[in-house]
Amino acid sequence: MSLQFFVAMEPPTITQQQHKVSVQNGKPRFYEPAELRAARQSLEARLARYAPPTPYQGVVRLLVKWCFPAEGRPDGSYRSTKPDTDNLQKMLKDVMTRLGFWVDDAQVASEIIEKFWADVPGIFVKIEPLE
């Protein structure tokens, strides 16, 4: 059974790629800066209500439409500026895994990701089983 929803919010522009690294005792230590942690927590809080009662078990397709504030641009026009779609998806999929949308994000065998300028900002998500 498919699941789809729209989360009305200004999508985060900070991505997982912005983890920081420090060196302690000669070993790298990765950490999440406060801005990244806040973006992840906000995303997690907003997505939690849409988590299915039981995680998807098989192969799924994930369709995501990132809708950024239009700010004078035509509603529905494609966004070709940063952040990159793959970087946006990483945090989203990690949060969805943590919330139990699926057992492991490796189950996402097909992805359709789009970025738009929109009068109503937010994130549209659709998950559909492929088996």
C-alpha atoms as a PDB file:
ATOM      1  CA  MET A   1       0.000   0.000   0.000  1.00  0.00           C
ATOM      2  CA  SER A   2       1.317   3.434  -0.971  1.00  0.00           C
ATOM      3  CA  LEU A   3       1.802   6.248   1.492  1.00  0.00           C
ATOM      4  CA  GLN A   4       1.931   9.917   0.531  1.00  0.00           C
ATOM      5  CA  PHE A   5       1.906  13.171   2.451  1.00  0.00           C
ATOM      6  CA  PHE A   6       2.923  16.826   2.274  1.00  0.00           C
ATOM      7  CA  VAL A   7       4.802  18.490   5.112  1.00  0.00           C
ATOM      8  CA  ALA A   8       4.247  22.244   4.988  1.00  0.00           C
ATOM      9  CA  MET A   9       7.556  23.798   6.056  1.00  0.00           C
ATOM     10  CA  GLU A  10      10.527  25.640   4.689  1.00  0.00           C
ATOM     11  CA  PRO A  11      12.774  22.740   3.649  1.00  0.00           C
ATOM     12  CA  PRO A  12      16.185  22.705   5.300  1.00  0.00           C
ATOM     13  CA  THR A  13      19.065  23.858   3.125  1.00  0.00           C
ATOM     14  CA  ILE A  14      21.722  22.458   5.454  1.00  0.00           C
ATOM     15  CA  THR A  15      22.572  18.852   4.586  1.00  0.00           C
ATOM     16  CA  GLN A  16      24.316  15.779   5.989  1.00  0.00           C
ATOM     17  CA  GLN A  17      27.377  16.778   3.963  1.00  0.00           C
ATOM     18  CA  GLN A  18      27.903  19.569   6.480  1.00  0.00           C
ATOM     19  CA  HIS A  19      29.001  17.265   9.287  1.00  0.00           C
ATOM     20  CA  LYS A  20      32.171  18.544  10.902  1.00  0.00           C
ATOM     21  CA  VAL A  21      35.300  16.670  11.831  1.00  0.00           C
ATOM     22  CA  SER A  22      37.844  17.290  14.540  1.00  0.00           C
ATOM     23  CA  VAL A  23      40.928  15.304  15.456  1.00  0.00           C
ATOM     24  CA  GLN A  24      41.288  13.975  18.988  1.00  0.00           C
ATOM     25  CA  ASN A  25      44.254  11.851  20.004  1.00  0.00           C
ATOM     26  CA  GLY A  26      45.202  11.569  16.347  1.00  0.00           C
ATOM     27  CA  LYS A  27      41.812  10.131  15.354  1.00  0.00           C
ATOM     28  CA  PRO A  28      39.063  11.872  13.362  1.00  0.00           C
ATOM     29  CA  ARG A  29      35.841  12.532  15.249  1.00  0.00           C
ATOM     30  CA  PHE A  30      32.754  13.470  13.233  1.00  0.00           C
ATOM     31  CA  TYR A  31      30.094  15.595  14.854  1.00  0.00           C
ATOM     32  CA  GLU A  32      26.889  17.355  13.977  1.00  0.00           C
ATOM     33  CA  PRO A  33      26.982  21.162  14.227  1.00  0.00           C
ATOM     34  CA  ALA A  34      24.066  22.798  16.086  1.00  0.00           C
ATOM     35  CA  GLU A  35      22.422  24.070  12.875  1.00  0.00           C
ATOM     36  CA  LEU A  36      22.448  20.598  11.314  1.00  0.00           C
ATOM     37  CA  ARG A  37      21.155  18.994  14.518  1.00  0.00           C
ATOM     38  CA  ALA A  38      18.290  21.530  14.681  1.00  0.00           C
ATOM     39  CA  ALA A  39      17.354  20.876  11.021  1.00  0.00           C
ATOM     40  CA  ARG A  40      17.372  17.112  11.564  1.00  0.00           C
ATOM     41  CA  GLN A  41      15.288  17.394  14.740  1.00  0.00           C
ATOM     42  CA  SER A  42      12.762  19.667  13.009  1.00  0.00           C
ATOM     43  CA  LEU A  43      12.448  17.249  10.107  1.00  0.00           C
ATOM     44  CA  GLU A  44      12.086  14.318  12.492  1.00  0.00           C
ATOM     45  CA  ALA A  45       9.349  16.082  14.505  1.00  0.00           C
ATOM     46  CA  ARG A  46       7.376  16.974  11.375  1.00  0.00           C
ATOM     47  CA  LEU A  47       7.663  13.532   9.735  1.00  0.00           C
ATOM     48  CA  ALA A  48       6.896  11.462  12.858  1.00  0.00           C
ATOM     49  CA  ARG A  49       3.124  11.783  12.478  1.00  0.00           C
ATOM     50  CA  TYR A  50       3.283  10.191   9.008  1.00  0.00           C
ATOM     51  CA  ALA A  51       5.296   7.110   9.960  1.00  0.00           C
ATOM     52  CA  PRO A  52       3.397   3.920   9.102  1.00  0.00           C
ATOM     53  CA  PRO A  53       2.268   1.651  11.949  1.00  0.00           C
ATOM     54  CA  THR A  54       4.692  -0.997  10.684  1.00  0.00           C
ATOM     55  CA  PRO A  55       7.774  -0.383   8.558  1.00  0.00           C
ATOM     56  CA  TYR A  56       7.826  -1.290   4.869  1.00  0.00           C
ATOM     57  CA  GLN A  57       9.551  -4.665   4.600  1.00  0.00           C
ATOM     58  CA  GLY A  58      10.283  -5.002   0.892  1.00  0.00           C
ATOM     59  CA  VAL A  59      11.617  -2.941  -1.972  1.00  0.00           C
ATOM     60  CA  VAL A  60      10.139   0.565  -2.326  1.00  0.00           C
ATOM     61  CA  ARG A  61      10.154   3.589  -4.613  1.00  0.00           C
ATOM     62  CA  LEU A  62      10.587   6.975  -2.947  1.00  0.00           C
ATOM     63  CA  LEU A  63       9.276  10.080  -4.682  1.00  0.00           C
ATOM     64  CA  VAL A  64      10.192  13.402  -3.067  1.00  0.00           C
ATOM     65  CA  LYS A  65       9.387  16.905  -4.232  1.00  0.00           C
ATOM     66  CA  TRP A  66      11.314  19.581  -2.384  1.00  0.00           C
ATOM     67  CA  CYS A  67       9.323  22.822  -2.582  1.00  0.00           C
ATOM     68  CA  PHE A  68      11.370  25.881  -1.641  1.00  0.00           C
ATOM     69  CA  PRO A  69       9.866  29.356  -1.083  1.00  0.00           C
ATOM     70  CA  ALA A  70       9.309  30.944  -4.503  1.00  0.00           C
ATOM     71  CA  GLU A  71      10.340  34.450  -3.423  1.00  0.00           C
ATOM     72  CA  GLY A  72       9.201  35.994  -6.701  1.00  0.00           C
ATOM     73  CA  ARG A  73      10.050  33.032  -8.935  1.00  0.00           C
ATOM     74  CA  PRO A  74       7.280  31.272 -10.875  1.00  0.00           C
ATOM     75  CA  ASP A  75       5.403  28.746  -8.718  1.00  0.00           C
ATOM     76  CA  GLY A  76       6.304  25.207  -9.784  1.00  0.00           C
ATOM     77  CA  SER A  77       9.465  26.136 -11.686  1.00  0.00           C
ATOM     78  CA  TYR A  78      12.459  23.876 -11.189  1.00  0.00           C
ATOM     79  CA  ARG A  79      15.167  24.963  -8.743  1.00  0.00           C
ATOM     80  CA  SER A  80      18.690  24.524 -10.102  1.00  0.00           C
ATOM     81  CA  THR A  81      20.672  25.939  -7.181  1.00  0.00           C
ATOM     82  CA  LYS A  82      22.167  24.275  -4.118  1.00  0.00           C
ATOM     83  CA  PRO A  83      21.563  22.210  -2.118  1.00  0.00           C
ATOM     84  CA  ASP A  84      22.003  19.208  -4.401  1.00  0.00           C
ATOM     85  CA  THR A  85      19.176  16.676  -4.431  1.00  0.00           C
ATOM     86  CA  ASP A  86      21.391  13.796  -3.292  1.00  0.00           C
ATOM     87  CA  ASN A  87      22.517  15.777  -0.259  1.00  0.00           C
ATOM     88  CA  LEU A  88      18.919  16.697   0.630  1.00  0.00           C
ATOM     89  CA  GLN A  89      17.843  13.057   0.357  1.00  0.00           C
ATOM     90  CA  LYS A  90      20.505  11.709   2.716  1.00  0.00           C
ATOM     91  CA  MET A  91      19.161  13.438   5.824  1.00  0.00           C
ATOM     92  CA  LEU A  92      15.536  12.768   4.836  1.00  0.00           C
ATOM     93  CA  LYS A  93      16.142   9.035   4.346  1.00  0.00           C
ATOM     94  CA  ASP A  94      18.147   8.788   7.576  1.00  0.00           C
ATOM     95  CA  VAL A  95      15.301  10.453   9.494  1.00  0.00           C
ATOM     96  CA  MET A  96      12.704   8.232   7.819  1.00  0.00           C
ATOM     97  CA  THR A  97      14.736   5.145   8.741  1.00  0.00           C
ATOM     98  CA  ARG A  98      15.012   6.308  12.354  1.00  0.00           C
ATOM     99  CA  LEU A  99      11.219   6.873  12.445  1.00  0.00           C
ATOM    100  CA  GLY A 100      10.461   3.389  11.076  1.00  0.00           C
ATOM    101  CA  PHE A 101       9.164   4.120   7.584  1.00  0.00           C
ATOM    102  CA  TRP A 102      11.199   1.080   6.490  1.00  0.00           C
ATOM    103  CA  VAL A 103      13.630  -1.323   8.092  1.00  0.00           C
ATOM    104  CA  ASP A 104      16.658  -0.007   6.186  1.00  0.00           C
ATOM    105  CA  ASP A 105      16.966   2.757   3.601  1.00  0.00           C
ATOM    106  CA  ALA A 106      18.727   0.225   1.367  1.00  0.00           C
ATOM    107  CA  GLN A 107      15.163  -0.935   0.571  1.00  0.00           C
ATOM    108  CA  VAL A 108      14.741   2.233  -1.518  1.00  0.00           C
ATOM    109  CA  ALA A 109      15.505   0.772  -4.941  1.00  0.00           C
ATOM    110  CA  SER A 110      13.989   3.605  -6.969  1.00  0.00           C
ATOM    111  CA  GLU A 111      14.105   7.319  -6.227  1.00  0.00           C
ATOM    112  CA  ILE A 112      12.568  10.283  -7.961  1.00  0.00           C
ATOM    113  CA  ILE A 113      13.778  13.570  -6.500  1.00  0.00           C
ATOM    114  CA  GLU A 114      12.785  17.018  -7.693  1.00  0.00           C
ATOM    115  CA  LYS A 115      13.371  20.562  -6.453  1.00  0.00           C
ATOM    116  CA  PHE A 116      10.946  23.368  -7.151  1.00  0.00           C
ATOM    117  CA  TRP A 117      10.240  26.964  -6.298  1.00  0.00           C
ATOM    118  CA  ALA A 118       6.768  27.019  -4.750  1.00  0.00           C
ATOM    119  CA  ASP A 119       4.261  29.458  -3.310  1.00  0.00           C
ATOM    120  CA  VAL A 120       3.570  26.856  -0.604  1.00  0.00           C
ATOM    121  CA  PRO A 121       6.922  25.539   0.647  1.00  0.00           C
ATOM    122  CA  GLY A 122       7.264  22.029   1.967  1.00  0.00           C
ATOM    123  CA  ILE A 123       8.206  18.456   1.195  1.00  0.00           C
ATOM    124  CA  PHE A 124       5.942  16.060  -0.707  1.00  0.00           C
ATOM    125  CA  VAL A 125       6.737  12.388  -0.061  1.00  0.00           C
ATOM    126  CA  LYS A 126       5.333   9.262  -1.684  1.00  0.00           C
ATOM    127  CA  ILE A 127       6.423   5.724  -0.866  1.00  0.00           C
ATOM    128  CA  GLU A 128       5.198   2.845  -2.970  1.00  0.00           C
ATOM    129  CA  PRO A 129       6.042  -0.846  -2.690  1.00  0.00           C
ATOM    130  CA  LEU A 130       7.651  -2.362  -5.773  1.00  0.00           C
ATOM    131  CA  GLU A 131       6.962  -6.023  -5.002  1.00  0.00           C
END
